[in-house]
Amino acid sequence: MDFKISLWLLKLGALLNLYFLLRTAAVEADPYVVVPAWIFFAVSAYRCLFPVRYEHYVVLHDSLWSSVFATRVFATFAEVAYIFLLAYVLRRINVEHIGWVTGVAWFMVLQVLVCQVCVWLAILTERFELYFYEELGWLFMYAANTIGSAYLYLTVDTLPGRENLLLLNLVFGIPYVPFQLINLAAVRRQAKRQVDCDTAWILERLALGLRRAIEVKNPRTDAESWGGIVGLIWMTGYWATLLPMWVYYIVVVLSRH
């Protein structure tokens, strides 16, 4: 199976993200809401235009802009901003200041930082099993967000419209868990297939990994290189459709009050 057409259609997501970015820039709202949204939209637009898959340095375009290193730098800011925004939603709606819900929100922020360490080490050391732990961290974050949202939705009276943010957390979080379990199984299989090639000196390995992340680009469009159907769904939902719309809706709702 070839994903060439799908990868090119992914570029339409850049238009959606730029539209949301411009709309959000015109909104007068809490900077803790709009700034993370700006970062997320800008980076998602970039990733739609120049898609990259870290494993094996797979790219659509063999260009300066298609770089595992640059993409990961941008993605680090985008992912931290996105999870910070979800955590901020919980804290804003937690009007009764329930301690464990606040703890869940800050756990999400801490966990996304741990995930960034895992994915950077995976790239620089070329150890695929570290991608498993990064993805496992995302499962923990969404599970925490879903549990906190369910409790607030069932127990807390909030301003009109904001309950929809909690409902969206549930609508996304509940089906995400089985999807992520499938994704984790795929990542685990890939890690087991990797041939270990340790170098004698860890700093040498990190330097080599950094150089490869900057320089190596493997233009491919076959389905296997992009993670198959699961990978395509992940890219489309994350960069081009579901998550950008979700973030924009958060901005719209929280800017009303």
C-alpha atoms as a PDB file:
ATOM      1  CA  MET A   1       0.000   0.000   0.000  1.00  0.00           C
ATOM      2  CA  ASP A   2       1.235   3.482  -0.870  1.00  0.00           C
ATOM      3  CA  PHE A   3       0.407   6.592   1.183  1.00  0.00           C
ATOM      4  CA  LYS A   4       1.634   9.197  -1.308  1.00  0.00           C
ATOM      5  CA  ILE A   5      -1.800  10.708  -1.975  1.00  0.00           C
ATOM      6  CA  SER A   6      -2.751  10.609   1.702  1.00  0.00           C
ATOM      7  CA  LEU A   7       0.481  12.339   2.708  1.00  0.00           C
ATOM      8  CA  TRP A   8      -0.085  15.084   0.154  1.00  0.00           C
ATOM      9  CA  LEU A   9      -3.708  15.498   1.270  1.00  0.00           C
ATOM     10  CA  LEU A  10      -2.371  15.951   4.783  1.00  0.00           C
ATOM     11  CA  LYS A  11      -1.149  19.368   3.658  1.00  0.00           C
ATOM     12  CA  LEU A  12      -4.759  20.582   3.703  1.00  0.00           C
ATOM     13  CA  GLY A  13      -4.488  20.370   7.473  1.00  0.00           C
ATOM     14  CA  ALA A  14      -1.976  23.228   7.346  1.00  0.00           C
ATOM     15  CA  LEU A  15      -4.730  25.500   6.007  1.00  0.00           C
ATOM     16  CA  LEU A  16      -7.035  24.522   8.853  1.00  0.00           C
ATOM     17  CA  ASN A  17      -4.311  25.149  11.437  1.00  0.00           C
ATOM     18  CA  LEU A  18      -3.414  28.529   9.925  1.00  0.00           C
ATOM     19  CA  TYR A  19      -7.089  29.498   9.952  1.00  0.00           C
ATOM     20  CA  PHE A  20      -7.358  28.577  13.635  1.00  0.00           C
ATOM     21  CA  LEU A  21      -4.112  30.427  14.351  1.00  0.00           C
ATOM     22  CA  LEU A  22      -5.395  33.636  12.755  1.00  0.00           C
ATOM     23  CA  ARG A  23      -8.756  33.343  14.502  1.00  0.00           C
ATOM     24  CA  THR A  24      -7.097  32.726  17.853  1.00  0.00           C
ATOM     25  CA  ALA A  25      -4.759  35.680  17.369  1.00  0.00           C
ATOM     26  CA  ALA A  26      -7.809  37.949  17.229  1.00  0.00           C
ATOM     27  CA  VAL A  27      -9.245  36.603  20.493  1.00  0.00           C
ATOM     28  CA  GLU A  28      -8.812  38.490  23.731  1.00  0.00           C
ATOM     29  CA  ALA A  29      -8.463  35.699  26.241  1.00  0.00           C
ATOM     30  CA  ASP A  30      -6.313  34.333  29.020  1.00  0.00           C
ATOM     31  CA  PRO A  31      -2.719  34.033  27.721  1.00  0.00           C
ATOM     32  CA  TYR A  32      -2.545  30.615  29.401  1.00  0.00           C
ATOM     33  CA  VAL A  33      -5.147  29.590  26.819  1.00  0.00           C
ATOM     34  CA  VAL A  34      -4.175  31.416  23.630  1.00  0.00           C
ATOM     35  CA  VAL A  35      -0.374  31.097  23.775  1.00  0.00           C
ATOM     36  CA  PRO A  36      -0.381  27.266  23.990  1.00  0.00           C
ATOM     37  CA  ALA A  37      -2.973  27.255  21.182  1.00  0.00           C
ATOM     38  CA  TRP A  38      -0.769  29.457  18.964  1.00  0.00           C
ATOM     39  CA  ILE A  39       2.182  27.135  19.491  1.00  0.00           C
ATOM     40  CA  PHE A  40       0.113  24.049  18.766  1.00  0.00           C
ATOM     41  CA  PHE A  41      -1.464  25.434  15.572  1.00  0.00           C
ATOM     42  CA  ALA A  42       1.838  26.720  14.173  1.00  0.00           C
ATOM     43  CA  VAL A  43       3.683  23.464  14.774  1.00  0.00           C
ATOM     44  CA  SER A  44       0.791  21.330  13.486  1.00  0.00           C
ATOM     45  CA  ALA A  45       0.726  23.365  10.257  1.00  0.00           C
ATOM     46  CA  TYR A  46       4.454  22.795   9.837  1.00  0.00           C
ATOM     47  CA  ARG A  47       4.112  19.054  10.420  1.00  0.00           C
ATOM     48  CA  CYS A  48       1.294  18.819   7.873  1.00  0.00           C
ATOM     49  CA  LEU A  49       3.496  20.476   5.254  1.00  0.00           C
ATOM     50  CA  PHE A  50       6.649  18.514   6.060  1.00  0.00           C
ATOM     51  CA  PRO A  51       5.621  15.194   7.631  1.00  0.00           C
ATOM     52  CA  VAL A  52       8.364  13.199   9.304  1.00  0.00           C
ATOM     53  CA  ARG A  53       8.421   9.837  11.041  1.00  0.00           C
ATOM     54  CA  TYR A  54      11.282   9.579  13.498  1.00  0.00           C
ATOM     55  CA  GLU A  55      11.933   5.854  13.197  1.00  0.00           C
ATOM     56  CA  HIS A  56      14.333   5.327  10.268  1.00  0.00           C
ATOM     57  CA  TYR A  57      14.261   9.086   9.480  1.00  0.00           C
ATOM     58  CA  VAL A  58      11.321   8.739   7.096  1.00  0.00           C
ATOM     59  CA  VAL A  59      10.241  11.947   5.292  1.00  0.00           C
ATOM     60  CA  LEU A  60       7.917  12.886   2.463  1.00  0.00           C
ATOM     61  CA  HIS A  61      10.200  15.593   1.061  1.00  0.00           C
ATOM     62  CA  ASP A  62      13.984  15.415   0.899  1.00  0.00           C
ATOM     63  CA  SER A  63      14.398  19.067   1.846  1.00  0.00           C
ATOM     64  CA  LEU A  64      16.012  21.270   4.467  1.00  0.00           C
ATOM     65  CA  TRP A  65      12.625  21.659   6.177  1.00  0.00           C
ATOM     66  CA  SER A  66      12.153  17.909   6.562  1.00  0.00           C
ATOM     67  CA  SER A  67      14.382  17.209   9.512  1.00  0.00           C
ATOM     68  CA  VAL A  68      13.844  14.815  12.396  1.00  0.00           C
ATOM     69  CA  PHE A  69      15.787  17.168  14.667  1.00  0.00           C
ATOM     70  CA  ALA A  70      13.871  20.339  13.724  1.00  0.00           C
ATOM     71  CA  THR A  71      10.525  18.555  13.797  1.00  0.00           C
ATOM     72  CA  ARG A  72      11.239  17.144  17.231  1.00  0.00           C
ATOM     73  CA  VAL A  73      12.282  20.543  18.588  1.00  0.00           C
ATOM     74  CA  PHE A  74       9.026  22.077  17.384  1.00  0.00           C
ATOM     75  CA  ALA A  75       6.977  19.069  18.502  1.00  0.00           C
ATOM     76  CA  THR A  76       8.445  19.297  21.998  1.00  0.00           C
ATOM     77  CA  PHE A  77       7.021  22.790  22.433  1.00  0.00           C
ATOM     78  CA  ALA A  78       3.717  21.820  20.815  1.00  0.00           C
ATOM     79  CA  GLU A  79       3.153  18.734  22.957  1.00  0.00           C
ATOM     80  CA  VAL A  80       4.000  20.485  26.206  1.00  0.00           C
ATOM     81  CA  ALA A  81       1.732  23.387  25.217  1.00  0.00           C
ATOM     82  CA  TYR A  82      -1.112  21.041  24.299  1.00  0.00           C
ATOM     83  CA  ILE A  83      -1.015  19.059  27.532  1.00  0.00           C
ATOM     84  CA  PHE A  84      -0.586  22.245  29.556  1.00  0.00           C
ATOM     85  CA  LEU A  85      -3.781  23.515  27.908  1.00  0.00           C
ATOM     86  CA  LEU A  86      -5.722  20.344  28.726  1.00  0.00           C
ATOM     87  CA  ALA A  87      -4.463  20.504  32.306  1.00  0.00           C
ATOM     88  CA  TYR A  88      -5.424  24.178  32.501  1.00  0.00           C
ATOM     89  CA  VAL A  89      -8.963  23.299  31.410  1.00  0.00           C
ATOM     90  CA  LEU A  90      -9.242  20.918  34.349  1.00  0.00           C
ATOM     91  CA  ARG A  91      -7.899  23.515  36.760  1.00  0.00           C
ATOM     92  CA  ARG A  92     -10.202  26.262  35.419  1.00  0.00           C
ATOM     93  CA  ILE A  93     -13.286  24.079  35.690  1.00  0.00           C
ATOM     94  CA  ASN A  94     -12.262  22.702  39.090  1.00  0.00           C
ATOM     95  CA  VAL A  95     -14.006  25.625  40.806  1.00  0.00           C
ATOM     96  CA  GLU A  96     -14.353  23.696  44.057  1.00  0.00           C
ATOM     97  CA  HIS A  97     -10.566  23.215  44.172  1.00  0.00           C
ATOM     98  CA  ILE A  98     -10.713  19.459  44.599  1.00  0.00           C
ATOM     99  CA  GLY A  99      -7.184  18.502  45.535  1.00  0.00           C
ATOM    100  CA  TRP A 100      -6.768  15.253  43.632  1.00  0.00           C
ATOM    101  CA  VAL A 101      -8.139  16.780  40.413  1.00  0.00           C
ATOM    102  CA  THR A 102      -5.566  19.563  40.663  1.00  0.00           C
ATOM    103  CA  GLY A 103      -2.968  16.860  41.272  1.00  0.00           C
ATOM    104  CA  VAL A 104      -4.109  15.016  38.134  1.00  0.00           C
ATOM    105  CA  ALA A 105      -3.704  18.208  36.105  1.00  0.00           C
ATOM    106  CA  TRP A 106      -0.142  18.760  37.286  1.00  0.00           C
ATOM    107  CA  PHE A 107       0.638  15.054  36.838  1.00  0.00           C
ATOM    108  CA  MET A 108      -0.251  15.463  33.142  1.00  0.00           C
ATOM    109  CA  VAL A 109       2.216  18.334  32.794  1.00  0.00           C
ATOM    110  CA  LEU A 110       4.948  16.370  34.552  1.00  0.00           C
ATOM    111  CA  GLN A 111       4.239  13.275  32.474  1.00  0.00           C
ATOM    112  CA  VAL A 112       4.488  15.126  29.159  1.00  0.00           C
ATOM    113  CA  LEU A 113       7.934  16.346  30.211  1.00  0.00           C
ATOM    114  CA  VAL A 114       8.950  12.756  30.953  1.00  0.00           C
ATOM    115  CA  CYS A 115       7.654  11.776  27.512  1.00  0.00           C
ATOM    116  CA  GLN A 116       9.850  14.418  25.892  1.00  0.00           C
ATOM    117  CA  VAL A 117      12.907  12.944  27.608  1.00  0.00           C
ATOM    118  CA  CYS A 118      11.945   9.467  26.367  1.00  0.00           C
ATOM    119  CA  VAL A 119      11.436  10.490  22.764  1.00  0.00           C
ATOM    120  CA  TRP A 120      14.624  12.567  22.636  1.00  0.00           C
ATOM    121  CA  LEU A 121      16.624   9.657  24.041  1.00  0.00           C
ATOM    122  CA  ALA A 122      14.937   7.340  21.537  1.00  0.00           C
ATOM    123  CA  ILE A 123      16.016   9.582  18.665  1.00  0.00           C
ATOM    124  CA  LEU A 124      19.534  10.271  19.867  1.00  0.00           C
ATOM    125  CA  THR A 125      20.325   6.695  20.940  1.00  0.00           C
ATOM    126  CA  GLU A 126      18.219   5.041  18.201  1.00  0.00           C
ATOM    127  CA  ARG A 127      16.622   2.719  20.770  1.00  0.00           C
ATOM    128  CA  PHE A 128      13.073   2.002  19.618  1.00  0.00           C
ATOM    129  CA  GLU A 129      11.931   0.610  22.974  1.00  0.00           C
ATOM    130  CA  LEU A 130      12.082   4.156  24.348  1.00  0.00           C
ATOM    131  CA  TYR A 131       9.302   5.124  21.934  1.00  0.00           C
ATOM    132  CA  PHE A 132       7.171   2.535  23.727  1.00  0.00           C
ATOM    133  CA  TYR A 133       7.665   4.298  27.046  1.00  0.00           C
ATOM    134  CA  GLU A 134       6.896   7.649  25.457  1.00  0.00           C
ATOM    135  CA  GLU A 135       3.623   6.304  24.033  1.00  0.00           C
ATOM    136  CA  LEU A 136       2.833   4.644  27.349  1.00  0.00           C
ATOM    137  CA  GLY A 137       3.159   8.055  28.964  1.00  0.00           C
ATOM    138  CA  TRP A 138       0.525   9.428  26.588  1.00  0.00           C
ATOM    139  CA  LEU A 139      -1.803   6.627  27.641  1.00  0.00           C
ATOM    140  CA  PHE A 140      -1.298   7.643  31.280  1.00  0.00           C
ATOM    141  CA  MET A 141      -1.981  11.315  30.480  1.00  0.00           C
ATOM    142  CA  TYR A 142      -5.207  10.704  28.597  1.00  0.00           C
ATOM    143  CA  ALA A 143      -6.397   8.239  31.216  1.00  0.00           C
ATOM    144  CA  ALA A 144      -5.758  10.848  33.920  1.00  0.00           C
ATOM    145  CA  ASN A 145      -7.500  13.563  31.886  1.00  0.00           C
ATOM    146  CA  THR A 146     -10.497  11.285  31.282  1.00  0.00           C
ATOM    147  CA  ILE A 147     -10.842  10.326  34.956  1.00  0.00           C
ATOM    148  CA  GLY A 148     -10.570  13.935  36.148  1.00  0.00           C
ATOM    149  CA  SER A 149     -13.031  15.117  33.503  1.00  0.00           C
ATOM    150  CA  ALA A 150     -15.553  12.390  34.353  1.00  0.00           C
ATOM    151  CA  TYR A 151     -15.502  13.361  38.016  1.00  0.00           C
ATOM    152  CA  LEU A 152     -15.927  17.075  37.315  1.00  0.00           C
ATOM    153  CA  TYR A 153     -18.664  16.429  34.744  1.00  0.00           C
ATOM    154  CA  LEU A 154     -20.676  14.372  37.217  1.00  0.00           C
ATOM    155  CA  THR A 155     -20.141  16.429  40.378  1.00  0.00           C
ATOM    156  CA  VAL A 156     -19.319  20.078  39.664  1.00  0.00           C
ATOM    157  CA  ASP A 157     -21.649  22.849  38.520  1.00  0.00           C
ATOM    158  CA  THR A 158     -19.766  25.002  36.031  1.00  0.00           C
ATOM    159  CA  LEU A 159     -20.483  27.899  33.687  1.00  0.00           C
ATOM    160  CA  PRO A 160     -22.705  27.121  30.675  1.00  0.00           C
ATOM    161  CA  GLY A 161     -20.721  25.678  27.802  1.00  0.00           C
ATOM    162  CA  ARG A 162     -17.749  24.580  29.843  1.00  0.00           C
ATOM    163  CA  GLU A 163     -19.330  21.232  30.606  1.00  0.00           C
ATOM    164  CA  ASN A 164     -18.934  20.553  26.882  1.00  0.00           C
ATOM    165  CA  LEU A 165     -15.166  20.733  27.321  1.00  0.00           C
ATOM    166  CA  LEU A 166     -15.382  17.950  29.883  1.00  0.00           C
ATOM    167  CA  LEU A 167     -17.692  15.985  27.626  1.00  0.00           C
ATOM    168  CA  LEU A 168     -15.204  16.334  24.766  1.00  0.00           C
ATOM    169  CA  ASN A 169     -12.464  15.013  27.038  1.00  0.00           C
ATOM    170  CA  LEU A 170     -14.601  11.950  27.654  1.00  0.00           C
ATOM    171  CA  VAL A 171     -15.639  11.497  24.019  1.00  0.00           C
ATOM    172  CA  PHE A 172     -11.998  11.585  22.941  1.00  0.00           C
ATOM    173  CA  GLY A 173     -10.424   9.843  25.908  1.00  0.00           C
ATOM    174  CA  ILE A 174     -12.604   6.727  26.054  1.00  0.00           C
ATOM    175  CA  PRO A 175     -11.961   5.513  22.451  1.00  0.00           C
ATOM    176  CA  TYR A 176      -8.358   6.728  22.628  1.00  0.00           C
ATOM    177  CA  VAL A 177      -7.419   4.066  25.172  1.00  0.00           C
ATOM    178  CA  PRO A 178      -8.027   1.028  22.895  1.00  0.00           C
ATOM    179  CA  PHE A 179      -6.457   2.881  19.950  1.00  0.00           C
ATOM    180  CA  GLN A 180      -3.350   3.618  21.985  1.00  0.00           C
ATOM    181  CA  LEU A 181      -3.152   0.011  23.148  1.00  0.00           C
ATOM    182  CA  ILE A 182      -3.039  -1.049  19.480  1.00  0.00           C
ATOM    183  CA  ASN A 183      -0.390   1.599  18.838  1.00  0.00           C
ATOM    184  CA  LEU A 184       1.660   0.408  21.816  1.00  0.00           C
ATOM    185  CA  ALA A 185       1.550  -3.161  20.514  1.00  0.00           C
ATOM    186  CA  ALA A 186       2.829  -1.971  17.123  1.00  0.00           C
ATOM    187  CA  VAL A 187       5.640   0.048  18.729  1.00  0.00           C
ATOM    188  CA  ARG A 188       6.602  -2.944  20.879  1.00  0.00           C
ATOM    189  CA  ARG A 189       6.794  -5.229  17.837  1.00  0.00           C
ATOM    190  CA  GLN A 190       9.020  -2.744  16.034  1.00  0.00           C
ATOM    191  CA  ALA A 191      11.298  -2.445  19.067  1.00  0.00           C
ATOM    192  CA  LYS A 192      11.698  -6.220  19.242  1.00  0.00           C
ATOM    193  CA  ARG A 193      12.728  -6.336  15.575  1.00  0.00           C
ATOM    194  CA  GLN A 194      15.487  -3.782  16.099  1.00  0.00           C
ATOM    195  CA  VAL A 195      19.019  -5.113  15.953  1.00  0.00           C
ATOM    196  CA  ASP A 196      21.002  -3.752  18.884  1.00  0.00           C
ATOM    197  CA  CYS A 197      24.110  -1.865  17.829  1.00  0.00           C
ATOM    198  CA  ASP A 198      25.551  -0.378  21.006  1.00  0.00           C
ATOM    199  CA  THR A 199      28.571   1.825  20.706  1.00  0.00           C
ATOM    200  CA  ALA A 200      31.337   1.727  23.274  1.00  0.00           C
ATOM    201  CA  TRP A 201      30.829   5.274  24.508  1.00  0.00           C
ATOM    202  CA  ILE A 202      27.442   6.776  25.273  1.00  0.00           C
ATOM    203  CA  LEU A 203      28.491  10.341  24.364  1.00  0.00           C
ATOM    204  CA  GLU A 204      29.710   9.092  21.006  1.00  0.00           C
ATOM    205  CA  ARG A 205      26.343   7.421  20.465  1.00  0.00           C
ATOM    206  CA  LEU A 206      24.445  10.595  21.357  1.00  0.00           C
ATOM    207  CA  ALA A 207      26.616  12.678  19.033  1.00  0.00           C
ATOM    208  CA  LEU A 208      26.052  10.212  16.197  1.00  0.00           C
ATOM    209  CA  GLY A 209      22.306  10.193  16.873  1.00  0.00           C
ATOM    210  CA  LEU A 210      22.195  13.983  16.828  1.00  0.00           C
ATOM    211  CA  ARG A 211      24.073  14.122  13.545  1.00  0.00           C
ATOM    212  CA  ARG A 212      21.768  11.561  11.961  1.00  0.00           C
ATOM    213  CA  ALA A 213      18.667  13.375  13.234  1.00  0.00           C
ATOM    214  CA  ILE A 214      19.886  16.547  11.538  1.00  0.00           C
ATOM    215  CA  GLU A 215      21.240  15.097   8.314  1.00  0.00           C
ATOM    216  CA  VAL A 216      19.563  11.788   7.441  1.00  0.00           C
ATOM    217  CA  LYS A 217      16.359  11.830   5.387  1.00  0.00           C
ATOM    218  CA  ASN A 218      14.760   8.796   3.797  1.00  0.00           C
ATOM    219  CA  PRO A 219      11.990   9.870   1.381  1.00  0.00           C
ATOM    220  CA  ARG A 220       9.362   7.139   1.383  1.00  0.00           C
ATOM    221  CA  THR A 221       5.630   6.849   0.785  1.00  0.00           C
ATOM    222  CA  ASP A 222       4.989   3.146   1.464  1.00  0.00           C
ATOM    223  CA  ALA A 223       2.519   2.380   4.227  1.00  0.00           C
ATOM    224  CA  GLU A 224       4.919   0.371   6.392  1.00  0.00           C
ATOM    225  CA  SER A 225       7.411   3.244   6.634  1.00  0.00           C
ATOM    226  CA  TRP A 226       4.664   5.535   7.951  1.00  0.00           C
ATOM    227  CA  GLY A 227       3.265   3.116  10.516  1.00  0.00           C
ATOM    228  CA  GLY A 228       0.475   1.646   8.414  1.00  0.00           C
ATOM    229  CA  ILE A 229      -3.168   2.594   8.906  1.00  0.00           C
ATOM    230  CA  VAL A 230      -2.603   3.312  12.600  1.00  0.00           C
ATOM    231  CA  GLY A 231       0.163   5.766  11.726  1.00  0.00           C
ATOM    232  CA  LEU A 232      -1.955   7.475   9.084  1.00  0.00           C
ATOM    233  CA  ILE A 233      -4.909   7.853  11.473  1.00  0.00           C
ATOM    234  CA  TRP A 234      -2.559   9.202  14.134  1.00  0.00           C
ATOM    235  CA  MET A 235      -1.020  11.825  11.817  1.00  0.00           C
ATOM    236  CA  THR A 236      -4.356  12.928  10.381  1.00  0.00           C
ATOM    237  CA  GLY A 237      -6.090  13.226  13.732  1.00  0.00           C
ATOM    238  CA  TYR A 238      -3.165  14.786  15.594  1.00  0.00           C
ATOM    239  CA  TRP A 239      -1.884  17.345  13.083  1.00  0.00           C
ATOM    240  CA  ALA A 240      -4.735  18.002  10.691  1.00  0.00           C
ATOM    241  CA  THR A 241      -8.218  17.408  12.127  1.00  0.00           C
ATOM    242  CA  LEU A 242      -9.322  16.271  15.582  1.00  0.00           C
ATOM    243  CA  LEU A 243      -6.745  17.857  17.872  1.00  0.00           C
ATOM    244  CA  PRO A 244      -6.589  21.263  16.119  1.00  0.00           C
ATOM    245  CA  MET A 245     -10.402  21.469  16.224  1.00  0.00           C
ATOM    246  CA  TRP A 246     -10.380  20.437  19.875  1.00  0.00           C
ATOM    247  CA  VAL A 247      -7.800  23.070  20.806  1.00  0.00           C
ATOM    248  CA  TYR A 248      -9.691  25.758  18.903  1.00  0.00           C
ATOM    249  CA  TYR A 249     -12.933  24.836  20.653  1.00  0.00           C
ATOM    250  CA  ILE A 250     -11.177  25.190  24.013  1.00  0.00           C
ATOM    251  CA  VAL A 251     -10.080  28.699  23.032  1.00  0.00           C
ATOM    252  CA  VAL A 252     -13.594  29.630  21.912  1.00  0.00           C
ATOM    253  CA  VAL A 253     -15.275  28.359  25.095  1.00  0.00           C
ATOM    254  CA  LEU A 254     -12.784  29.772  27.587  1.00  0.00           C
ATOM    255  CA  SER A 255     -12.692  33.157  25.853  1.00  0.00           C
ATOM    256  CA  ARG A 256     -16.416  33.679  26.468  1.00  0.00           C
ATOM    257  CA  HIS A 257     -16.050  34.194  30.202  1.00  0.00           C
END
